Amino acid sequence: MTTGEEELYAPYQTPATATEEIEPYRTVSRSAVISVGVGVLALLGFSFPSLLPLAMLGIVLALTSLTTIRRYPNEYTGKKIALAGLLLSAFTLLVATPWHIYEYMTEVPENHVRISFSDLQPDPEVPELMIPPKAADLSGKQVFIKGYMHPGVSSTGKVMHFILVPDMGTCCFGGQPKMTDMIEIKVTDPTQSIAYSTRRMKLAGTFKLSYPQAKLGLKDVCYSLDASMVKK
């Protein structure tokens, strides 16, 4: 058989591109994408401890995504996205949590008692007493408390006299808070005068009781604090 005949009767060779297997379409894991978004939001946990649970949610979502991708490699993709979400949330949880614990353990000045607005509320067992015995016992003592500036001084620049309230609702929307949800703050150090802010504040000083009276446009203010320390 001649060379020409060999070429004529040789089996037909299909182009390589025609025999290549088409790669199946894979969907990006939805939980991987969500884990990144949650991980970014979790970074706010450095400023707001109440958002730290988002870091745990981000870790769960990322691990769920990685497990799904490993089980169904021909159907799902997005491993790098899930790893990014995992790193964001893990970083926040591992760094912000001990940082907040350290801050909590060291933020109260020496010889001061940590209190909260819940300590100043009426005792359910003695509802006729508007000022609970626990609050009365604090009178004259050095205390440390956190709260928000009432917006009544929002347009007056730096101030040394304002009302402290317990939450953002009362802080941002104004109005007349409950009597036991207000503390009249008198800053004793002029260098610590402070402008209005919606951020949570830390204050330390001498706690006092007074007869309910009108203060800074609000009525029935019965608690006061001579603040020697004011921090945002």
Protein backbone atom coordinates (compact mmCIF):
# COMPACT_ATOMS: atom_id res chain seq x y z
CA MET A 1 0.00 0.00 0.00
CA THR A 2 1.38 3.33 -1.00
CA THR A 3 1.74 6.29 1.27
CA GLY A 4 -1.22 7.98 -0.38
CA GLU A 5 -3.40 4.93 0.18
CA GLU A 6 -2.33 4.77 3.87
CA GLU A 7 -3.43 8.34 4.35
CA LEU A 8 -6.69 7.65 2.54
CA TYR A 9 -7.67 4.64 4.68
CA ALA A 10 -6.30 5.93 8.01
CA PRO A 11 -9.01 6.38 10.69
CA TYR A 12 -10.37 9.89 10.96
CA GLN A 13 -8.85 11.90 13.86
CA THR A 14 -11.19 14.41 15.43
CA PRO A 15 -9.74 17.73 16.55
CA ALA A 16 -8.55 17.75 20.14
CA THR A 17 -10.95 20.52 21.02
CA ALA A 18 -13.91 18.41 19.99
CA THR A 19 -13.04 15.60 22.41
CA GLU A 20 -12.30 17.81 25.39
CA GLU A 21 -14.83 17.35 28.16
CA ILE A 22 -16.85 20.48 28.82
CA GLU A 23 -16.32 21.63 32.41
CA PRO A 24 -19.62 21.54 34.31
CA TYR A 25 -21.11 24.84 35.49
CA ARG A 26 -20.64 25.40 39.21
CA THR A 27 -22.62 27.78 41.41
CA VAL A 28 -20.86 30.10 43.83
CA SER A 29 -21.81 29.03 47.34
CA ARG A 30 -24.34 31.49 48.72
CA SER A 31 -23.23 30.90 52.31
CA ALA A 32 -19.66 31.79 51.27
CA VAL A 33 -20.76 35.16 49.97
CA ILE A 34 -22.92 35.81 53.03
CA SER A 35 -20.04 34.85 55.34
CA VAL A 36 -17.92 37.65 53.86
CA GLY A 37 -20.69 40.20 54.39
CA VAL A 38 -21.22 39.03 57.96
CA GLY A 39 -17.46 39.07 58.53
CA VAL A 40 -17.24 42.71 57.45
CA LEU A 41 -20.13 43.66 59.75
CA ALA A 42 -18.51 41.70 62.57
CA LEU A 43 -15.55 44.10 62.46
CA LEU A 44 -17.89 46.61 64.10
CA GLY A 45 -17.57 44.39 67.15
CA PHE A 46 -14.34 46.23 67.95
CA SER A 47 -16.51 49.27 68.76
CA PHE A 48 -19.74 47.54 69.80
CA PRO A 49 -19.33 44.35 71.87
CA SER A 50 -22.98 43.47 71.29
CA LEU A 51 -22.09 42.75 67.64
CA LEU A 52 -19.47 40.10 68.45
CA PRO A 53 -21.99 37.25 67.97
CA LEU A 54 -21.90 38.17 64.28
CA ALA A 55 -18.33 36.84 64.20
CA MET A 56 -19.54 33.45 65.42
CA LEU A 57 -22.30 33.48 62.80
CA GLY A 58 -19.74 34.31 60.11
CA ILE A 59 -17.54 31.39 61.16
CA VAL A 60 -20.48 28.97 61.04
CA LEU A 61 -21.51 30.19 57.58
CA ALA A 62 -17.95 29.93 56.23
CA LEU A 63 -17.43 26.41 57.61
CA THR A 64 -20.80 25.33 56.24
CA SER A 65 -19.81 26.63 52.82
CA LEU A 66 -16.41 24.90 52.88
CA THR A 67 -18.06 21.62 53.86
CA THR A 68 -20.60 21.90 51.03
CA ILE A 69 -17.91 22.73 48.46
CA ARG A 70 -15.82 19.76 49.58
CA ARG A 71 -18.78 17.38 49.33
CA TYR A 72 -20.06 18.65 46.00
CA PRO A 73 -17.01 19.94 44.08
CA ASN A 74 -18.77 19.63 40.72
CA GLU A 75 -21.71 21.74 41.81
CA TYR A 76 -20.33 24.50 44.04
CA THR A 77 -17.37 26.86 44.02
CA GLY A 78 -16.28 29.79 46.18
CA LYS A 79 -13.67 28.24 48.47
CA LYS A 80 -11.52 31.38 48.50
CA ILE A 81 -14.55 33.52 49.27
CA ALA A 82 -15.48 31.27 52.20
CA LEU A 83 -11.91 31.36 53.51
CA ALA A 84 -11.97 35.17 53.38
CA GLY A 85 -15.20 35.21 55.39
CA LEU A 86 -13.72 32.74 57.87
CA LEU A 87 -10.58 34.84 58.36
CA LEU A 88 -12.57 38.06 58.88
CA SER A 89 -14.84 36.56 61.52
CA ALA A 90 -12.09 34.58 63.25
CA PHE A 91 -9.88 37.68 63.45
CA THR A 92 -12.67 39.71 65.05
CA LEU A 93 -13.59 36.98 67.53
CA LEU A 94 -10.01 36.20 68.57
CA VAL A 95 -8.83 39.81 68.84
CA ALA A 96 -11.87 41.90 69.80
CA THR A 97 -13.16 39.55 72.50
CA PRO A 98 -10.04 39.60 74.73
CA TRP A 99 -9.64 43.30 74.00
CA HIS A 100 -13.13 44.04 75.36
CA ILE A 101 -12.54 41.78 78.35
CA TYR A 102 -9.33 43.64 79.18
CA GLU A 103 -11.08 46.98 78.77
CA TYR A 104 -13.92 45.89 81.07
CA MET A 105 -11.48 44.70 83.73
CA THR A 106 -9.45 47.92 83.72
CA GLU A 107 -11.91 50.74 82.91
CA VAL A 108 -13.20 51.39 86.43
CA PRO A 109 -11.02 53.89 88.34
CA GLU A 110 -9.59 52.82 91.67
CA ASN A 111 -11.96 53.09 94.65
CA HIS A 112 -15.01 53.43 92.38
CA VAL A 113 -18.03 51.12 92.22
CA ARG A 114 -19.38 50.02 88.84
CA ILE A 115 -23.11 50.69 88.54
CA SER A 116 -25.69 50.74 85.76
CA PHE A 117 -29.08 52.33 85.25
CA SER A 118 -30.68 49.03 86.24
CA ASP A 119 -29.37 49.63 89.77
CA LEU A 120 -31.34 52.88 89.89
CA GLN A 121 -34.76 51.46 88.96
CA PRO A 122 -37.59 50.98 91.49
CA ASP A 123 -37.64 47.69 93.36
CA PRO A 124 -40.58 45.57 92.05
CA GLU A 125 -41.15 44.33 95.60
CA VAL A 126 -41.46 47.90 96.91
CA PRO A 127 -43.17 49.75 94.02
CA GLU A 128 -44.26 52.65 96.21
CA LEU A 129 -40.62 53.74 96.54
CA MET A 130 -39.62 55.58 93.36
CA ILE A 131 -35.98 55.61 94.47
CA PRO A 132 -34.84 52.11 95.43
CA PRO A 133 -32.84 51.51 98.62
CA LYS A 134 -29.88 50.37 96.51
CA ALA A 135 -29.72 53.78 94.82
CA ALA A 136 -30.06 55.53 98.17
CA ASP A 137 -27.12 53.52 99.51
CA LEU A 138 -24.97 54.80 96.62
CA SER A 139 -25.44 58.44 97.58
CA GLY A 140 -22.10 60.06 98.35
CA LYS A 141 -20.08 57.18 96.92
CA GLN A 142 -17.60 57.16 94.04
CA VAL A 143 -19.20 55.35 91.09
CA PHE A 144 -18.51 54.45 87.47
CA ILE A 145 -21.36 54.35 84.95
CA LYS A 146 -21.97 54.27 81.19
CA GLY A 147 -24.70 56.05 79.26
CA TYR A 148 -25.62 58.53 76.54
CA MET A 149 -25.98 62.30 76.47
CA HIS A 150 -29.56 63.51 76.18
CA PRO A 151 -29.86 65.61 72.97
CA GLY A 152 -31.07 68.64 74.91
CA VAL A 153 -27.52 70.05 74.66
CA SER A 154 -26.87 69.01 71.04
CA SER A 155 -26.56 72.60 69.77
CA THR A 156 -24.61 74.22 72.59
CA GLY A 157 -21.03 73.17 71.79
CA LYS A 158 -18.86 71.83 74.58
CA VAL A 159 -20.71 71.59 77.89
CA MET A 160 -20.01 70.79 81.52
CA HIS A 161 -23.64 70.16 82.43
CA PHE A 162 -25.95 67.64 80.77
CA ILE A 163 -28.33 64.76 81.39
CA LEU A 164 -27.18 61.15 81.05
CA VAL A 165 -29.70 58.54 79.87
CA PRO A 166 -29.36 54.74 79.55
CA ASP A 167 -30.02 53.93 75.91
CA MET A 168 -29.89 55.11 72.31
CA GLY A 169 -33.68 55.34 72.05
CA THR A 170 -33.88 57.98 74.74
CA CYS A 171 -30.65 59.56 73.53
CA CYS A 172 -31.58 59.99 69.89
CA PHE A 173 -35.30 60.66 70.05
CA GLY A 174 -35.28 62.96 73.06
CA GLY A 175 -38.50 63.43 74.97
CA GLN A 176 -39.07 63.06 78.69
CA PRO A 177 -37.31 59.97 80.10
CA LYS A 178 -38.43 58.21 83.26
CA MET A 179 -37.29 59.81 86.48
CA THR A 180 -34.97 56.89 87.23
CA ASP A 181 -33.53 56.97 83.68
CA MET A 182 -31.85 60.36 84.14
CA ILE A 183 -28.67 61.47 85.88
CA GLU A 184 -27.71 65.14 86.00
CA ILE A 185 -24.01 65.32 85.12
CA LYS A 186 -21.84 68.16 86.41
CA VAL A 187 -18.29 67.97 85.06
CA THR A 188 -15.90 69.17 87.76
CA ASP A 189 -12.82 69.58 85.54
CA PRO A 190 -13.15 72.34 82.89
CA THR A 191 -10.59 70.56 80.70
CA GLN A 192 -13.03 67.66 80.36
CA SER A 193 -15.93 69.66 78.94
CA ILE A 194 -17.50 67.68 76.14
CA ALA A 195 -19.56 68.25 73.00
CA TYR A 196 -22.77 66.35 72.34
CA SER A 197 -22.28 62.90 70.86
CA THR A 198 -24.42 59.84 70.20
CA ARG A 199 -21.59 57.58 71.34
CA ARG A 200 -21.79 55.74 74.62
CA MET A 201 -19.88 57.52 77.37
CA LYS A 202 -17.96 56.45 80.46
CA LEU A 203 -18.19 58.61 83.55
CA ALA A 204 -16.83 58.45 87.08
CA GLY A 205 -17.49 60.66 90.06
CA THR A 206 -19.56 61.23 93.18
CA PHE A 207 -23.17 60.01 92.99
CA LYS A 208 -25.85 62.03 94.77
CA LEU A 209 -29.60 62.05 95.36
CA SER A 210 -31.70 65.19 95.19
CA TYR A 211 -35.34 66.15 95.43
CA PRO A 212 -37.00 65.64 91.99
CA GLN A 213 -36.72 68.91 90.09
CA ALA A 214 -36.50 70.35 86.59
CA LYS A 215 -33.05 70.31 84.99
CA LEU A 216 -32.07 71.32 81.45
CA GLY A 217 -35.66 71.28 80.25
CA LEU A 218 -36.43 67.88 81.81
CA LYS A 219 -38.52 67.37 84.92
CA ASP A 220 -38.18 65.04 87.89
CA VAL A 221 -34.38 64.68 87.79
CA CYS A 222 -33.43 63.14 91.12
CA TYR A 223 -29.98 61.64 90.50
CA SER A 224 -26.79 63.61 89.95
CA LEU A 225 -23.11 62.89 89.40
CA ASP A 226 -20.20 65.23 90.04
CA ALA A 227 -18.08 63.77 87.25
CA SER A 228 -14.31 63.83 87.62
CA MET A 229 -13.85 61.63 84.54
CA VAL A 230 -15.70 61.80 81.23
CA LYS A 231 -14.71 59.61 78.27
CA LYS A 232 -16.31 58.61 74.96
